[in-house]
Amino acid sequence: MNVLFICTGNTCRSPMAAALFNKIAVERNLDVRIESAGLFANDGDGASAEAIVAMKKYDIDLLGHHSQTINAELIENSDLILTMTAAHKMILDQYASEKTFTICEYAEMDGDIPDPYGSDVEEYEKCAEKLFTALKKCADKIEKQ
């Protein structure tokens, strides 16, 4: 299964989500291919410094991350597209509504994944915690399929 994580700039939430989900997938031996992209990314940007710090708690290194903008090929090659917010989902619904969900929707949780951009490391850590909780539930759902 090909899973694509989407946020706005592909420097904070979606790279953290992809890395965390990869960690979960490896631990559970899930057969998934994981990518991330942004709706309005500057191609080639690195992960934010705060995201890099927040991921250290999970023994994840985001230093090699390079942002990319969503494109038709990424959408077409994805079996499941998970967005951070309902607004992101609404934009993608016109292209792939049958396979696009917010992370919280897919995990059967309320709300969105808040954008920590411009905040301190503590906000990134809170974001990572919410992502990790939701992504474990997403993995549970994928395992049952």
Protein backbone atom coordinates (compact mmCIF):
# COMPACT_ATOMS: atom_id res chain seq x y z
CA MET A 1 0.00 0.00 0.00
CA ASN A 2 1.28 3.46 -0.93
CA VAL A 3 0.50 6.11 1.70
CA LEU A 4 0.93 9.83 1.05
CA PHE A 5 0.93 12.40 3.87
CA ILE A 6 -0.05 15.97 2.97
CA CYS A 7 0.35 19.28 4.79
CA THR A 8 0.92 22.83 3.62
CA GLY A 9 4.67 23.27 3.21
CA ASN A 10 6.05 19.73 3.70
CA THR A 11 8.57 20.92 6.29
CA CYS A 12 6.77 20.21 9.58
CA ARG A 13 3.70 17.99 9.91
CA SER A 14 3.80 15.73 6.87
CA PRO A 15 7.50 14.84 7.20
CA MET A 16 6.95 14.10 10.90
CA ALA A 17 3.88 12.00 10.03
CA ALA A 18 5.72 10.08 7.31
CA ALA A 19 8.69 9.38 9.57
CA LEU A 20 6.53 8.35 12.52
CA PHE A 21 4.35 6.13 10.33
CA ASN A 22 7.45 4.53 8.84
CA LYS A 23 8.64 3.73 12.38
CA ILE A 24 5.26 2.16 13.22
CA ALA A 25 5.18 0.26 9.92
CA VAL A 26 8.64 -1.21 10.47
CA GLU A 27 7.75 -2.26 14.03
CA ARG A 28 4.54 -3.93 12.81
CA ASN A 29 6.01 -5.30 9.59
CA LEU A 30 3.42 -3.47 7.45
CA ASP A 31 3.93 -3.58 3.69
CA VAL A 32 3.67 0.14 2.96
CA ARG A 33 5.52 2.72 0.91
CA ILE A 34 5.39 6.16 2.49
CA GLU A 35 5.80 9.63 0.97
CA SER A 36 4.98 13.16 2.03
CA ALA A 37 4.29 16.36 0.13
CA GLY A 38 2.90 19.84 0.60
CA LEU A 39 0.12 21.67 -1.17
CA PHE A 40 2.27 24.81 -1.32
CA ALA A 41 5.79 23.49 -0.73
CA ASN A 42 9.05 25.05 -1.85
CA ASP A 43 10.67 22.02 -3.47
CA GLY A 44 13.92 21.01 -1.80
CA ASP A 45 13.48 22.73 1.57
CA GLY A 46 14.61 20.79 4.61
CA ALA A 47 12.50 19.93 7.61
CA SER A 48 12.14 22.76 10.10
CA ALA A 49 14.68 22.85 12.93
CA GLU A 50 11.90 22.38 15.48
CA ALA A 51 10.53 19.31 13.66
CA ILE A 52 14.04 17.82 13.63
CA VAL A 53 14.32 18.35 17.40
CA ALA A 54 10.81 16.98 18.09
CA MET A 55 11.56 13.77 16.18
CA LYS A 56 14.67 13.01 18.24
CA LYS A 57 12.36 11.82 21.04
CA TYR A 58 11.29 9.04 18.66
CA ASP A 59 14.87 8.30 17.50
CA ILE A 60 14.02 9.69 14.07
CA ASP A 61 16.39 11.82 12.01
CA LEU A 62 14.72 14.27 9.60
CA LEU A 63 17.96 15.88 8.42
CA GLY A 64 17.73 14.16 5.02
CA HIS A 65 14.18 15.35 4.31
CA HIS A 66 13.60 17.50 1.21
CA SER A 67 10.18 19.03 0.66
CA GLN A 68 8.15 18.43 -2.47
CA THR A 69 4.95 19.83 -3.89
CA ILE A 70 2.03 17.50 -4.48
CA ASN A 71 1.62 16.49 -8.11
CA ALA A 72 -0.56 14.25 -10.26
CA GLU A 73 1.93 11.37 -10.16
CA LEU A 74 2.03 11.31 -6.35
CA ILE A 75 -1.77 11.34 -6.20
CA GLU A 76 -2.12 8.64 -8.85
CA ASN A 77 0.46 6.35 -7.22
CA SER A 78 -1.10 6.61 -3.75
CA ASP A 79 -3.57 4.11 -2.35
CA LEU A 80 -4.26 6.27 0.70
CA ILE A 81 -3.80 10.03 1.09
CA LEU A 82 -3.82 11.36 4.65
CA THR A 83 -4.04 15.10 5.21
CA MET A 84 -3.42 17.13 8.34
CA THR A 85 -6.62 19.19 8.13
CA ALA A 86 -10.10 19.18 6.66
CA ALA A 87 -9.05 22.18 4.54
CA HIS A 88 -6.23 20.16 2.96
CA LYS A 89 -8.67 17.31 2.32
CA MET A 90 -11.17 19.64 0.68
CA ILE A 91 -8.52 20.77 -1.81
CA LEU A 92 -7.60 17.18 -2.70
CA ASP A 93 -11.18 15.87 -2.83
CA GLN A 94 -11.55 17.12 -6.40
CA TYR A 95 -8.70 14.82 -7.48
CA ALA A 96 -8.95 11.75 -5.25
CA SER A 97 -11.94 11.92 -2.90
CA GLU A 98 -12.29 8.14 -2.63
CA LYS A 99 -8.84 7.69 -1.09
CA THR A 100 -8.33 10.99 0.77
CA PHE A 101 -8.98 11.38 4.50
CA THR A 102 -7.70 13.57 7.27
CA ILE A 103 -5.41 11.63 9.59
CA CYS A 104 -7.83 12.16 12.46
CA GLU A 105 -10.81 11.08 10.35
CA TYR A 106 -9.04 7.87 9.27
CA ALA A 107 -7.98 7.23 12.89
CA GLU A 108 -11.56 7.90 14.07
CA MET A 109 -10.44 10.84 16.20
CA ASP A 110 -11.84 14.37 16.38
CA GLY A 111 -10.24 17.49 14.99
CA ASP A 112 -7.22 18.25 12.86
CA ILE A 113 -3.47 18.12 13.33
CA PRO A 114 -2.63 21.74 14.28
CA ASP A 115 0.13 23.53 12.42
CA PRO A 116 3.09 24.24 14.72
CA TYR A 117 4.87 26.38 12.11
CA GLY A 118 6.42 29.42 13.76
CA SER A 119 5.93 28.03 17.27
CA ASP A 120 8.42 26.74 19.80
CA VAL A 121 9.69 23.17 20.07
CA GLU A 122 7.06 22.31 22.70
CA GLU A 123 4.29 22.89 20.14
CA TYR A 124 6.09 20.63 17.67
CA GLU A 125 6.38 17.97 20.37
CA LYS A 126 2.63 18.24 21.08
CA CYS A 127 1.97 17.93 17.36
CA ALA A 128 4.22 14.86 17.16
CA GLU A 129 2.42 13.26 20.11
CA LYS A 130 -0.98 13.75 18.48
CA LEU A 131 0.38 12.41 15.19
CA PHE A 132 1.89 9.35 16.88
CA THR A 133 -1.39 8.54 18.65
CA ALA A 134 -3.42 8.96 15.46
CA LEU A 135 -0.95 7.07 13.28
CA LYS A 136 -0.98 4.03 15.57
CA LYS A 137 -4.76 3.95 15.07
CA CYS A 138 -4.28 4.33 11.31
CA ALA A 139 -1.87 1.38 11.37
CA ASP A 140 -4.44 -0.67 13.31
CA LYS A 141 -6.98 0.01 10.56
CA ILE A 142 -4.54 -0.89 7.78
CA GLU A 143 -3.59 -4.13 9.56
CA LYS A 144 -7.27 -5.18 9.56
CA GLN A 145 -7.62 -4.72 5.79
